[in-house]
Amino acid sequence: MNTHSRLSTDGWQDAETAALRIFFAWTLALGVLLFGAVWAWRRGWWGRLVDSDPSGISAGIVVLTLVITLWCGLRARRLSRECRPGSPWRTAFGSSLARNAEQAPQRLGDMTHGPHETAWWFAGTTIKLGLLGTVVGFIVMIGQLDLAKGTDTAQIQALLAQMTLGMGIALVTTLVGLLANLLLGIQLLLLDRLADRVAGAILDTEPASA
């Protein structure tokens, strides 16, 4: 009994340590990203991004990525707290175990992993928005081709400028969507692995306290 209890204690302490490491790594990465964002703003890159994509899709992807990134940090902090004895998740799992032992692990999985599914959906949305921008860019290009009726130099130059704008929308939104998806995917993958460890620590500890 003492050996099992000691192993269970080591389990939640290891999970909490891993959660804190991920949270601190996320904090460091966020600081680097903010520094990069300020540096890019001072060099005028954000202005170029807005000018290259007047549809606003790229800006929307950036905002969505920032919101999910902040949520990932808060989630990592929450997971680190739920590792400890007497946490709300442990209490809820103990109550579920007393009422219905068969459904208790499923309810624990809903608590530890449920919100991640919504975050993964939003992460996938970044790619979809990038593809939407690609479609919008090509629509702009095709629309300008349909409107081209003259053959003088001024009209040809205006046509080329509008086609370049459409191509810029297509390429910029696709690039921003892919980069955002990669950034969010790494964070959510770490959260999933951390949630697995937290759930395992709770499952190992509860029988020891029963």
N, C-alpha and C. Protein backbone atom coordinates (compact mmCIF):
# COMPACT_ATOMS: atom_id res chain seq x y z
N MET A 1 0.83 -1.20 0.00
CA MET A 1 0.00 0.00 0.00
C MET A 1 0.87 1.26 0.00
N ASN A 2 1.89 1.25 0.85
CA ASN A 2 2.78 2.40 0.90
C ASN A 2 3.56 2.56 -0.40
N THR A 3 3.99 1.40 -0.97
CA THR A 3 4.72 1.45 -2.24
C THR A 3 3.85 2.01 -3.34
N HIS A 4 2.60 1.54 -3.42
CA HIS A 4 1.68 2.03 -4.47
C HIS A 4 1.39 3.51 -4.27
N SER A 5 1.23 3.89 -2.99
CA SER A 5 0.95 5.30 -2.72
C SER A 5 2.13 6.17 -3.12
N ARG A 6 3.35 5.66 -2.85
CA ARG A 6 4.54 6.43 -3.23
C ARG A 6 4.65 6.56 -4.74
N LEU A 7 4.36 5.47 -5.47
CA LEU A 7 4.39 5.52 -6.93
C LEU A 7 3.35 6.48 -7.48
N SER A 8 2.16 6.48 -6.83
CA SER A 8 1.10 7.38 -7.28
C SER A 8 1.51 8.83 -7.06
N THR A 9 2.14 9.09 -5.91
CA THR A 9 2.60 10.45 -5.63
C THR A 9 3.65 10.89 -6.63
N ASP A 10 4.57 9.97 -6.95
CA ASP A 10 5.58 10.29 -7.96
C ASP A 10 4.93 10.57 -9.31
N GLY A 11 3.82 9.84 -9.61
CA GLY A 11 3.14 10.03 -10.89
C GLY A 11 2.58 11.43 -11.04
N TRP A 12 1.87 11.92 -10.01
CA TRP A 12 1.28 13.26 -10.17
C TRP A 12 2.35 14.35 -10.10
N GLN A 13 3.42 14.09 -9.34
CA GLN A 13 4.49 15.07 -9.30
C GLN A 13 5.22 15.16 -10.64
N ASP A 14 5.42 14.00 -11.28
CA ASP A 14 6.04 14.01 -12.61
C ASP A 14 5.15 14.72 -13.62
N ALA A 15 3.85 14.47 -13.55
CA ALA A 15 2.92 15.12 -14.47
C ALA A 15 2.89 16.63 -14.24
N GLU A 16 2.92 17.04 -12.97
CA GLU A 16 2.92 18.47 -12.67
C GLU A 16 4.22 19.12 -13.15
N THR A 17 5.33 18.42 -12.97
CA THR A 17 6.61 18.95 -13.45
C THR A 17 6.60 19.13 -14.97
N ALA A 18 6.07 18.11 -15.66
CA ALA A 18 5.98 18.21 -17.12
C ALA A 18 5.07 19.36 -17.54
N ALA A 19 3.96 19.54 -16.82
CA ALA A 19 3.04 20.63 -17.14
C ALA A 19 3.69 21.99 -16.94
N LEU A 20 4.43 22.13 -15.85
CA LEU A 20 5.10 23.40 -15.60
C LEU A 20 6.18 23.67 -16.64
N ARG A 21 6.89 22.63 -17.05
CA ARG A 21 7.91 22.82 -18.08
C ARG A 21 7.28 23.28 -19.38
N ILE A 22 6.16 22.68 -19.75
CA ILE A 22 5.48 23.09 -20.98
C ILE A 22 4.97 24.52 -20.86
N PHE A 23 4.45 24.86 -19.68
CA PHE A 23 3.94 26.22 -19.49
C PHE A 23 5.07 27.24 -19.59
N PHE A 24 6.21 26.95 -18.95
CA PHE A 24 7.34 27.88 -19.03
C PHE A 24 7.90 27.95 -20.45
N ALA A 25 7.93 26.80 -21.14
CA ALA A 25 8.39 26.81 -22.54
C ALA A 25 7.43 27.64 -23.40
N TRP A 26 6.14 27.50 -23.13
CA TRP A 26 5.15 28.30 -23.87
C TRP A 26 5.35 29.79 -23.58
N THR A 27 5.61 30.14 -22.32
CA THR A 27 5.83 31.53 -21.97
C THR A 27 7.04 32.09 -22.70
N LEU A 28 8.11 31.31 -22.74
CA LEU A 28 9.32 31.74 -23.46
C LEU A 28 9.04 31.90 -24.95
N ALA A 29 8.33 30.92 -25.54
CA ALA A 29 8.00 31.00 -26.96
C ALA A 29 7.11 32.19 -27.26
N LEU A 30 6.16 32.47 -26.36
CA LEU A 30 5.28 33.62 -26.55
C LEU A 30 6.08 34.92 -26.52
N GLY A 31 7.04 35.00 -25.62
CA GLY A 31 7.88 36.18 -25.57
C GLY A 31 8.67 36.37 -26.86
N VAL A 32 9.19 35.26 -27.40
CA VAL A 32 9.93 35.35 -28.67
C VAL A 32 9.01 35.79 -29.80
N LEU A 33 7.79 35.24 -29.82
CA LEU A 33 6.84 35.62 -30.86
C LEU A 33 6.45 37.09 -30.76
N LEU A 34 6.23 37.57 -29.55
CA LEU A 34 5.89 38.98 -29.38
C LEU A 34 7.05 39.88 -29.80
N PHE A 35 8.26 39.46 -29.46
CA PHE A 35 9.43 40.23 -29.90
C PHE A 35 9.50 40.25 -31.44
N GLY A 36 9.26 39.08 -32.05
CA GLY A 36 9.28 39.03 -33.51
C GLY A 36 8.18 39.86 -34.13
N ALA A 37 7.00 39.89 -33.47
CA ALA A 37 5.89 40.69 -33.99
C ALA A 37 6.21 42.18 -33.93
N VAL A 38 6.81 42.63 -32.82
CA VAL A 38 7.19 44.04 -32.69
C VAL A 38 8.28 44.39 -33.70
N TRP A 39 9.24 43.49 -33.86
CA TRP A 39 10.33 43.72 -34.82
C TRP A 39 9.78 43.82 -36.24
N ALA A 40 8.83 42.93 -36.58
CA ALA A 40 8.23 42.97 -37.91
C ALA A 40 7.41 44.24 -38.10
N TRP A 41 6.75 44.69 -37.03
CA TRP A 41 5.96 45.92 -37.13
C TRP A 41 6.86 47.13 -37.35
N ARG A 42 8.00 47.16 -36.67
CA ARG A 42 8.92 48.29 -36.84
C ARG A 42 9.53 48.32 -38.23
N ARG A 43 9.66 47.15 -38.85
CA ARG A 43 10.19 47.10 -40.20
C ARG A 43 9.11 47.25 -41.27
N GLY A 44 7.86 47.39 -40.83
CA GLY A 44 6.77 47.62 -41.77
C GLY A 44 6.20 46.38 -42.42
N TRP A 45 6.52 45.19 -41.87
CA TRP A 45 6.04 43.96 -42.49
C TRP A 45 4.54 43.76 -42.30
N TRP A 46 4.03 44.20 -41.13
CA TRP A 46 2.59 44.05 -40.92
C TRP A 46 1.81 44.93 -41.90
N GLY A 47 2.33 46.11 -42.17
CA GLY A 47 1.68 46.96 -43.15
C GLY A 47 1.68 46.34 -44.54
N ARG A 48 2.79 45.68 -44.88
CA ARG A 48 2.86 44.99 -46.17
C ARG A 48 1.87 43.83 -46.23
N LEU A 49 1.73 43.15 -45.09
CA LEU A 49 0.77 42.04 -45.05
C LEU A 49 -0.65 42.52 -45.29
N VAL A 50 -1.01 43.63 -44.64
CA VAL A 50 -2.36 44.18 -44.82
C VAL A 50 -2.55 44.68 -46.24
N ASP A 51 -1.52 45.33 -46.79
CA ASP A 51 -1.63 45.82 -48.16
C ASP A 51 -1.71 44.68 -49.17
N SER A 52 -1.03 43.59 -48.90
CA SER A 52 -1.04 42.45 -49.83
C SER A 52 -2.33 41.67 -49.77
N ASP A 53 -3.06 41.81 -48.66
CA ASP A 53 -4.31 41.05 -48.51
C ASP A 53 -5.42 41.99 -48.05
N PRO A 54 -6.00 42.76 -48.96
CA PRO A 54 -7.09 43.66 -48.57
C PRO A 54 -8.35 42.93 -48.15
N SER A 55 -8.44 41.62 -48.38
CA SER A 55 -9.62 40.87 -47.95
C SER A 55 -9.70 40.74 -46.44
N GLY A 56 -8.56 40.89 -45.74
CA GLY A 56 -8.57 40.78 -44.28
C GLY A 56 -8.50 39.37 -43.76
N ILE A 57 -8.41 38.38 -44.64
CA ILE A 57 -8.38 36.98 -44.20
C ILE A 57 -7.10 36.68 -43.43
N SER A 58 -5.98 37.17 -43.91
CA SER A 58 -4.70 36.93 -43.22
C SER A 58 -4.71 37.53 -41.83
N ALA A 59 -5.25 38.74 -41.70
CA ALA A 59 -5.34 39.37 -40.38
C ALA A 59 -6.23 38.55 -39.45
N GLY A 60 -7.31 38.02 -39.99
CA GLY A 60 -8.19 37.17 -39.19
C GLY A 60 -7.50 35.91 -38.72
N ILE A 61 -6.66 35.31 -39.58
CA ILE A 61 -5.91 34.12 -39.20
C ILE A 61 -4.93 34.45 -38.07
N VAL A 62 -4.27 35.60 -38.18
CA VAL A 62 -3.31 36.01 -37.15
C VAL A 62 -4.02 36.19 -35.80
N VAL A 63 -5.17 36.85 -35.81
CA VAL A 63 -5.91 37.07 -34.57
C VAL A 63 -6.38 35.74 -33.98
N LEU A 64 -6.89 34.86 -34.82
CA LEU A 64 -7.33 33.55 -34.36
C LEU A 64 -6.17 32.75 -33.75
N THR A 65 -5.02 32.82 -34.39
CA THR A 65 -3.84 32.12 -33.88
C THR A 65 -3.42 32.67 -32.53
N LEU A 66 -3.48 33.98 -32.37
CA LEU A 66 -3.12 34.60 -31.09
C LEU A 66 -4.08 34.16 -29.98
N VAL A 67 -5.36 34.13 -30.28
CA VAL A 67 -6.35 33.74 -29.27
C VAL A 67 -6.14 32.29 -28.83
N ILE A 68 -5.94 31.39 -29.79
CA ILE A 68 -5.74 29.98 -29.45
C ILE A 68 -4.42 29.78 -28.71
N THR A 69 -3.40 30.53 -29.09
CA THR A 69 -2.11 30.43 -28.41
C THR A 69 -2.24 30.84 -26.95
N LEU A 70 -2.96 31.92 -26.68
CA LEU A 70 -3.20 32.33 -25.30
C LEU A 70 -3.99 31.27 -24.54
N TRP A 71 -4.96 30.67 -25.21
CA TRP A 71 -5.74 29.60 -24.56
C TRP A 71 -4.85 28.41 -24.24
N CYS A 72 -3.92 28.07 -25.11
CA CYS A 72 -3.02 26.95 -24.86
C CYS A 72 -2.18 27.20 -23.61
N GLY A 73 -1.73 28.42 -23.42
CA GLY A 73 -0.96 28.74 -22.22
C GLY A 73 -1.80 28.59 -20.96
N LEU A 74 -3.03 29.09 -21.00
CA LEU A 74 -3.92 28.95 -19.85
C LEU A 74 -4.27 27.49 -19.59
N ARG A 75 -4.40 26.73 -20.67
CA ARG A 75 -4.73 25.31 -20.52
C ARG A 75 -3.57 24.54 -19.89
N ALA A 76 -2.36 24.85 -20.30
CA ALA A 76 -1.19 24.19 -19.70
C ALA A 76 -1.11 24.50 -18.21
N ARG A 77 -1.40 25.74 -17.86
CA ARG A 77 -1.40 26.11 -16.44
C ARG A 77 -2.49 25.36 -15.69
N ARG A 78 -3.65 25.22 -16.31
CA ARG A 78 -4.75 24.49 -15.66
C ARG A 78 -4.38 23.02 -15.46
N LEU A 79 -3.77 22.41 -16.45
CA LEU A 79 -3.37 21.02 -16.33
C LEU A 79 -2.36 20.82 -15.21
N SER A 80 -1.46 21.77 -15.04
CA SER A 80 -0.48 21.65 -13.96
C SER A 80 -1.15 21.70 -12.60
N ARG A 81 -2.20 22.48 -12.46
CA ARG A 81 -2.90 22.57 -11.18
C ARG A 81 -3.76 21.34 -10.92
N GLU A 82 -4.32 20.75 -11.97
CA GLU A 82 -5.19 19.60 -11.78
C GLU A 82 -4.42 18.33 -11.45
N CYS A 83 -3.08 18.37 -11.56
CA CYS A 83 -2.27 17.21 -11.19
C CYS A 83 -2.24 17.01 -9.68
N ARG A 84 -2.43 18.07 -8.93
CA ARG A 84 -2.21 18.03 -7.49
C ARG A 84 -3.35 17.30 -6.77
N PRO A 85 -3.05 16.72 -5.61
CA PRO A 85 -4.10 16.06 -4.82
C PRO A 85 -5.17 17.05 -4.40
N GLY A 86 -6.42 16.60 -4.41
CA GLY A 86 -7.53 17.45 -4.02
C GLY A 86 -8.00 18.41 -5.08
N SER A 87 -7.50 18.28 -6.31
CA SER A 87 -7.91 19.18 -7.40
C SER A 87 -9.36 18.88 -7.79
N PRO A 88 -10.04 19.83 -8.45
CA PRO A 88 -11.43 19.60 -8.86
C PRO A 88 -11.60 18.37 -9.75
N TRP A 89 -10.66 18.13 -10.66
CA TRP A 89 -10.79 16.96 -11.52
C TRP A 89 -10.68 15.67 -10.73
N ARG A 90 -9.77 15.63 -9.77
CA ARG A 90 -9.63 14.43 -8.93
C ARG A 90 -10.90 14.21 -8.12
N THR A 91 -11.44 15.29 -7.58
CA THR A 91 -12.67 15.18 -6.80
C THR A 91 -13.83 14.69 -7.66
N ALA A 92 -13.95 15.27 -8.87
CA ALA A 92 -15.02 14.85 -9.78
C ALA A 92 -14.85 13.40 -10.21
N PHE A 93 -13.61 12.99 -10.45
CA PHE A 93 -13.37 11.60 -10.85
C PHE A 93 -13.69 10.65 -9.71
N GLY A 94 -13.34 11.04 -8.48
CA GLY A 94 -13.68 10.19 -7.33
C GLY A 94 -15.17 10.05 -7.17
N SER A 95 -15.91 11.13 -7.38
CA SER A 95 -17.38 11.06 -7.28
C SER A 95 -17.96 10.19 -8.38
N SER A 96 -17.45 10.34 -9.61
CA SER A 96 -17.91 9.50 -10.72
C SER A 96 -17.57 8.04 -10.49
N LEU A 97 -16.42 7.78 -9.89
CA LEU A 97 -16.00 6.41 -9.62
C LEU A 97 -16.92 5.76 -8.61
N ALA A 98 -17.40 6.55 -7.65
CA ALA A 98 -18.30 6.01 -6.63
C ALA A 98 -19.69 5.75 -7.20
N ARG A 99 -20.12 6.59 -8.14
CA ARG A 99 -21.45 6.43 -8.72
C ARG A 99 -21.49 5.36 -9.81
N ASN A 100 -20.55 5.46 -10.75
CA ASN A 100 -20.52 4.53 -11.88
C ASN A 100 -19.08 4.34 -12.31
N ALA A 101 -18.49 3.23 -11.87
CA ALA A 101 -17.07 2.99 -12.13
C ALA A 101 -16.78 2.80 -13.61
N GLU A 102 -17.73 2.32 -14.38
CA GLU A 102 -17.49 2.07 -15.80
C GLU A 102 -17.42 3.36 -16.60
N GLN A 103 -18.23 4.35 -16.25
CA GLN A 103 -18.25 5.61 -17.00
C GLN A 103 -17.26 6.64 -16.47
N ALA A 104 -16.67 6.37 -15.31
CA ALA A 104 -15.75 7.35 -14.71
C ALA A 104 -14.55 7.66 -15.61
N PRO A 105 -13.86 6.65 -16.21
CA PRO A 105 -12.73 6.99 -17.09
C PRO A 105 -13.13 7.84 -18.29
N GLN A 106 -14.33 7.58 -18.84
CA GLN A 106 -14.78 8.38 -19.98
C GLN A 106 -15.01 9.83 -19.57
N ARG A 107 -15.59 10.04 -18.41
CA ARG A 107 -15.82 11.40 -17.94
C ARG A 107 -14.49 12.10 -17.63
N LEU A 108 -13.53 11.34 -17.13
CA LEU A 108 -12.21 11.92 -16.91
C LEU A 108 -11.58 12.34 -18.23
N GLY A 109 -11.74 11.51 -19.26
CA GLY A 109 -11.23 11.88 -20.58
C GLY A 109 -11.90 13.13 -21.13
N ASP A 110 -13.18 13.29 -20.86
CA ASP A 110 -13.87 14.51 -21.31
C ASP A 110 -13.30 15.75 -20.63
N MET A 111 -12.94 15.62 -19.35
CA MET A 111 -12.39 16.77 -18.64
C MET A 111 -10.98 17.10 -19.11
N THR A 112 -10.17 16.07 -19.34
CA THR A 112 -8.77 16.31 -19.69
C THR A 112 -8.57 16.62 -21.17
N HIS A 113 -9.39 16.04 -22.04
CA HIS A 113 -9.16 16.18 -23.48
C HIS A 113 -10.29 16.88 -24.24
N GLY A 114 -11.46 17.01 -23.61
CA GLY A 114 -12.61 17.55 -24.32
C GLY A 114 -12.38 18.90 -24.97
N PRO A 115 -11.91 19.91 -24.22
CA PRO A 115 -11.70 21.23 -24.83
C PRO A 115 -10.66 21.23 -25.95
N HIS A 116 -9.76 20.25 -25.95
CA HIS A 116 -8.72 20.22 -26.99
C HIS A 116 -9.33 19.97 -28.37
N GLU A 117 -10.45 19.23 -28.40
CA GLU A 117 -11.07 18.94 -29.70
C GLU A 117 -11.54 20.22 -30.37
N THR A 118 -12.11 21.12 -29.57
CA THR A 118 -12.54 22.41 -30.14
C THR A 118 -11.34 23.23 -30.62
N ALA A 119 -10.25 23.19 -29.83
CA ALA A 119 -9.05 23.92 -30.23
C ALA A 119 -8.46 23.35 -31.51
N TRP A 120 -8.47 22.01 -31.66
CA TRP A 120 -7.98 21.40 -32.89
C TRP A 120 -8.84 21.83 -34.08
N TRP A 121 -10.14 21.97 -33.86
CA TRP A 121 -11.02 22.40 -34.96
C TRP A 121 -10.65 23.82 -35.41
N PHE A 122 -10.41 24.70 -34.47
CA PHE A 122 -10.01 26.06 -34.82
C PHE A 122 -8.65 26.08 -35.49
N ALA A 123 -7.75 25.17 -35.05
CA ALA A 123 -6.44 25.09 -35.69
C ALA A 123 -6.59 24.66 -37.15
N GLY A 124 -7.48 23.71 -37.40
CA GLY A 124 -7.74 23.31 -38.78
C GLY A 124 -8.40 24.42 -39.59
N THR A 125 -9.14 25.29 -38.90
CA THR A 125 -9.80 26.40 -39.59
C THR A 125 -8.79 27.36 -40.21
N THR A 126 -7.60 27.46 -39.62
CA THR A 126 -6.60 28.37 -40.18
C THR A 126 -6.21 27.96 -41.61
N ILE A 127 -6.09 26.65 -41.83
CA ILE A 127 -5.79 26.18 -43.19
C ILE A 127 -6.97 26.44 -44.11
N LYS A 128 -8.17 26.20 -43.61
CA LYS A 128 -9.36 26.44 -44.43
C LYS A 128 -9.49 27.90 -44.81
N LEU A 129 -9.17 28.79 -43.87
CA LEU A 129 -9.21 30.21 -44.20
C LEU A 129 -8.13 30.56 -45.22
N GLY A 130 -6.97 29.92 -45.11
CA GLY A 130 -5.92 30.14 -46.12
C GLY A 130 -6.37 29.71 -47.50
N LEU A 131 -7.04 28.55 -47.57
CA LEU A 131 -7.57 28.10 -48.86
C LEU A 131 -8.68 29.01 -49.36
N LEU A 132 -9.48 29.53 -48.43
CA LEU A 132 -10.51 30.49 -48.83
C LEU A 132 -9.87 31.73 -49.45
N GLY A 133 -8.77 32.19 -48.85
CA GLY A 133 -8.07 33.33 -49.43
C GLY A 133 -7.52 33.03 -50.81
N THR A 134 -7.06 31.79 -51.01
CA THR A 134 -6.59 31.39 -52.34
C THR A 134 -7.70 31.50 -53.37
N VAL A 135 -8.88 31.00 -52.99
CA VAL A 135 -10.03 31.07 -53.90
C VAL A 135 -10.40 32.52 -54.18
N VAL A 136 -10.41 33.34 -53.13
CA VAL A 136 -10.75 34.76 -53.30
C VAL A 136 -9.75 35.44 -54.24
N GLY A 137 -8.46 35.12 -54.07
CA GLY A 137 -7.45 35.71 -54.92
C GLY A 137 -7.64 35.36 -56.38
N PHE A 138 -7.94 34.10 -56.66
CA PHE A 138 -8.16 33.70 -58.05
C PHE A 138 -9.45 34.28 -58.61
N ILE A 139 -10.45 34.45 -57.77
CA ILE A 139 -11.69 35.09 -58.23
C ILE A 139 -11.41 36.54 -58.65
N VAL A 140 -10.55 37.22 -57.85
CA VAL A 140 -10.19 38.60 -58.20
C VAL A 140 -9.46 38.62 -59.54
N MET A 141 -8.56 37.68 -59.75
CA MET A 141 -7.83 37.63 -61.01
C MET A 141 -8.75 37.36 -62.19
N ILE A 142 -9.63 36.38 -62.03
CA ILE A 142 -10.54 36.02 -63.13
C ILE A 142 -11.51 37.16 -63.41
N GLY A 143 -11.96 37.85 -62.33
CA GLY A 143 -12.86 38.97 -62.52
C GLY A 143 -12.24 40.10 -63.33
N GLN A 144 -10.96 40.33 -63.12
CA GLN A 144 -10.28 41.37 -63.88
C GLN A 144 -10.10 40.96 -65.34
N LEU A 145 -9.90 39.68 -65.59
CA LEU A 145 -9.79 39.22 -66.98
C LEU A 145 -11.10 39.40 -67.72
N ASP A 146 -12.21 39.18 -67.01
CA ASP A 146 -13.51 39.35 -67.65
C ASP A 146 -13.79 40.82 -67.98
N LEU A 147 -13.23 41.72 -67.16
CA LEU A 147 -13.48 43.14 -67.38
C LEU A 147 -12.54 43.76 -68.39
N ALA A 148 -11.51 43.03 -68.78
CA ALA A 148 -10.52 43.57 -69.72
C ALA A 148 -11.13 43.63 -71.12
N LYS A 149 -11.33 44.85 -71.61
CA LYS A 149 -11.91 45.02 -72.94
C LYS A 149 -11.02 45.85 -73.85
N GLY A 150 -10.19 46.67 -73.25
CA GLY A 150 -9.33 47.53 -74.06
C GLY A 150 -7.96 46.91 -74.27
N THR A 151 -7.21 47.53 -75.17
CA THR A 151 -5.87 47.02 -75.45
C THR A 151 -4.81 48.11 -75.29
N ASP A 152 -5.21 49.27 -74.75
CA ASP A 152 -4.22 50.33 -74.59
C ASP A 152 -3.33 50.04 -73.38
N THR A 153 -2.22 50.73 -73.33
CA THR A 153 -1.21 50.46 -72.31
C THR A 153 -1.72 50.71 -70.91
N ALA A 154 -2.48 51.78 -70.70
CA ALA A 154 -2.97 52.10 -69.36
C ALA A 154 -3.88 51.00 -68.82
N GLN A 155 -4.77 50.47 -69.67
CA GLN A 155 -5.68 49.42 -69.22
C GLN A 155 -4.93 48.12 -68.94
N ILE A 156 -3.93 47.85 -69.77
CA ILE A 156 -3.14 46.64 -69.55
C ILE A 156 -2.38 46.74 -68.23
N GLN A 157 -1.82 47.89 -67.93
CA GLN A 157 -1.11 48.07 -66.68
C GLN A 157 -2.05 47.94 -65.47
N ALA A 158 -3.25 48.51 -65.60
CA ALA A 158 -4.23 48.38 -64.51
C ALA A 158 -4.65 46.93 -64.33
N LEU A 159 -4.79 46.22 -65.47
CA LEU A 159 -5.15 44.80 -65.41
C LEU A 159 -4.07 44.00 -64.71
N LEU A 160 -2.82 44.27 -65.05
CA LEU A 160 -1.72 43.55 -64.42
C LEU A 160 -1.64 43.85 -62.93
N ALA A 161 -1.91 45.09 -62.56
CA ALA A 161 -1.87 45.46 -61.14
C ALA A 161 -2.94 44.71 -60.35
N GLN A 162 -4.15 44.62 -60.92
CA GLN A 162 -5.24 43.91 -60.24
C GLN A 162 -4.97 42.41 -60.18
N MET A 163 -4.38 41.86 -61.25
CA MET A 163 -4.04 40.44 -61.24
C MET A 163 -2.95 40.15 -60.21
N THR A 164 -2.01 41.07 -60.08
CA THR A 164 -0.97 40.92 -59.06
C THR A 164 -1.57 40.97 -57.67
N LEU A 165 -2.56 41.84 -57.48
CA LEU A 165 -3.25 41.92 -56.19
C LEU A 165 -3.94 40.60 -55.87
N GLY A 166 -4.63 40.03 -56.86
CA GLY A 166 -5.30 38.75 -56.65
C GLY A 166 -4.32 37.63 -56.33
N MET A 167 -3.21 37.61 -57.03
CA MET A 167 -2.19 36.60 -56.75
C MET A 167 -1.59 36.80 -55.36
N GLY A 168 -1.42 38.06 -54.95
CA GLY A 168 -0.90 38.34 -53.61
C GLY A 168 -1.84 37.83 -52.53
N ILE A 169 -3.14 38.04 -52.72
CA ILE A 169 -4.12 37.53 -51.75
C ILE A 169 -4.03 36.01 -51.65
N ALA A 170 -3.95 35.35 -52.79
CA ALA A 170 -3.90 33.88 -52.80
C ALA A 170 -2.66 33.35 -52.10
N LEU A 171 -1.51 33.93 -52.39
CA LEU A 171 -0.26 33.42 -51.82
C LEU A 171 -0.11 33.77 -50.34
N VAL A 172 -0.43 35.00 -49.97
CA VAL A 172 -0.25 35.44 -48.59
C VAL A 172 -1.16 34.68 -47.64
N THR A 173 -2.43 34.54 -48.00
CA THR A 173 -3.36 33.84 -47.12
C THR A 173 -2.98 32.37 -46.97
N THR A 174 -2.53 31.76 -48.04
CA THR A 174 -2.10 30.36 -47.95
C THR A 174 -0.89 30.21 -47.03
N LEU A 175 0.09 31.09 -47.19
CA LEU A 175 1.29 31.03 -46.36
C LEU A 175 0.96 31.27 -44.88
N VAL A 176 0.17 32.28 -44.61
CA VAL A 176 -0.19 32.59 -43.22
C VAL A 176 -0.99 31.45 -42.60
N GLY A 177 -1.91 30.87 -43.37
CA GLY A 177 -2.70 29.75 -42.86
C GLY A 177 -1.85 28.54 -42.52
N LEU A 178 -0.89 28.21 -43.37
CA LEU A 178 -0.02 27.06 -43.12
C LEU A 178 0.86 27.29 -41.90
N LEU A 179 1.47 28.48 -41.80
CA LEU A 179 2.32 28.77 -40.65
C LEU A 179 1.53 28.75 -39.34
N ALA A 180 0.32 29.30 -39.38
CA ALA A 180 -0.52 29.32 -38.18
C ALA A 180 -0.88 27.90 -37.76
N ASN A 181 -1.21 27.06 -38.73
CA ASN A 181 -1.58 25.68 -38.42
C ASN A 181 -0.41 24.91 -37.81
N LEU A 182 0.79 25.14 -38.33
CA LEU A 182 1.97 24.48 -37.77
C LEU A 182 2.22 24.93 -36.33
N LEU A 183 2.12 26.21 -36.08
CA LEU A 183 2.35 26.74 -34.74
C LEU A 183 1.33 26.20 -33.74
N LEU A 184 0.07 26.20 -34.13
CA LEU A 184 -0.97 25.72 -33.23
C LEU A 184 -0.91 24.21 -33.07
N GLY A 185 -0.55 23.50 -34.13
CA GLY A 185 -0.48 22.05 -34.06
C GLY A 185 0.55 21.58 -33.05
N ILE A 186 1.70 22.24 -33.01
CA ILE A 186 2.74 21.87 -32.03
C ILE A 186 2.23 22.08 -30.61
N GLN A 187 1.60 23.20 -30.37
CA GLN A 187 1.10 23.49 -29.02
C GLN A 187 0.03 22.50 -28.59
N LEU A 188 -0.91 22.22 -29.48
CA LEU A 188 -1.99 21.31 -29.13
C LEU A 188 -1.52 19.88 -28.97
N LEU A 189 -0.51 19.49 -29.75
CA LEU A 189 0.05 18.15 -29.60
C LEU A 189 0.69 17.98 -28.22
N LEU A 190 1.42 18.99 -27.78
CA LEU A 190 2.01 18.95 -26.44
C LEU A 190 0.93 18.91 -25.36
N LEU A 191 -0.14 19.66 -25.56
CA LEU A 191 -1.24 19.65 -24.59
C LEU A 191 -1.90 18.29 -24.53
N ASP A 192 -2.08 17.64 -25.66
CA ASP A 192 -2.68 16.29 -25.67
C ASP A 192 -1.81 15.30 -24.91
N ARG A 193 -0.50 15.36 -25.14
CA ARG A 193 0.41 14.45 -24.42
C ARG A 193 0.39 14.75 -22.93
N LEU A 194 0.32 16.03 -22.58
CA LEU A 194 0.28 16.41 -21.18
C LEU A 194 -1.03 15.96 -20.54
N ALA A 195 -2.14 16.09 -21.26
CA ALA A 195 -3.43 15.65 -20.74
C ALA A 195 -3.42 14.14 -20.51
N ASP A 196 -2.74 13.39 -21.37
CA ASP A 196 -2.62 11.94 -21.16
C ASP A 196 -1.91 11.64 -19.84
N ARG A 197 -0.85 12.38 -19.55
CA ARG A 197 -0.11 12.16 -18.31
C ARG A 197 -0.92 12.55 -17.09
N VAL A 198 -1.68 13.62 -17.20
CA VAL A 198 -2.53 14.04 -16.08
C VAL A 198 -3.61 13.00 -15.82
N ALA A 199 -4.24 12.53 -16.88
CA ALA A 199 -5.27 11.50 -16.72
C ALA A 199 -4.68 10.23 -16.12
N GLY A 200 -3.50 9.85 -16.58
CA GLY A 200 -2.84 8.67 -16.01
C GLY A 200 -2.50 8.85 -14.55
N ALA A 201 -2.06 10.05 -14.17
CA ALA A 201 -1.74 10.31 -12.76
C ALA A 201 -2.98 10.23 -11.89
N ILE A 202 -4.10 10.73 -12.39
CA ILE A 202 -5.34 10.67 -11.61
C ILE A 202 -5.82 9.23 -11.50
N LEU A 203 -5.74 8.47 -12.57
CA LEU A 203 -6.17 7.07 -12.53
C LEU A 203 -5.30 6.25 -11.58
N ASP A 204 -4.01 6.57 -11.51
CA ASP A 204 -3.11 5.83 -10.64
C ASP A 204 -3.29 6.19 -9.17
N THR A 205 -3.70 7.44 -8.93
CA THR A 205 -3.78 7.90 -7.56
C THR A 205 -5.08 7.51 -6.87
N GLU A 206 -6.20 7.56 -7.60
CA GLU A 206 -7.49 7.31 -6.98
C GLU A 206 -7.61 5.94 -6.33
N PRO A 207 -7.18 4.85 -7.00
CA PRO A 207 -7.27 3.55 -6.33
C PRO A 207 -6.45 3.50 -5.05
N ALA A 208 -5.32 4.27 -5.02
CA ALA A 208 -4.49 4.26 -3.83
C ALA A 208 -5.17 4.92 -2.66
N SER A 209 -6.08 5.88 -2.97
CA SER A 209 -6.77 6.58 -1.89
C SER A 209 -8.07 5.90 -1.53
N ALA A 210 -8.46 4.87 -2.33
CA ALA A 210 -9.74 4.21 -2.06
C ALA A 210 -9.61 3.27 -0.88
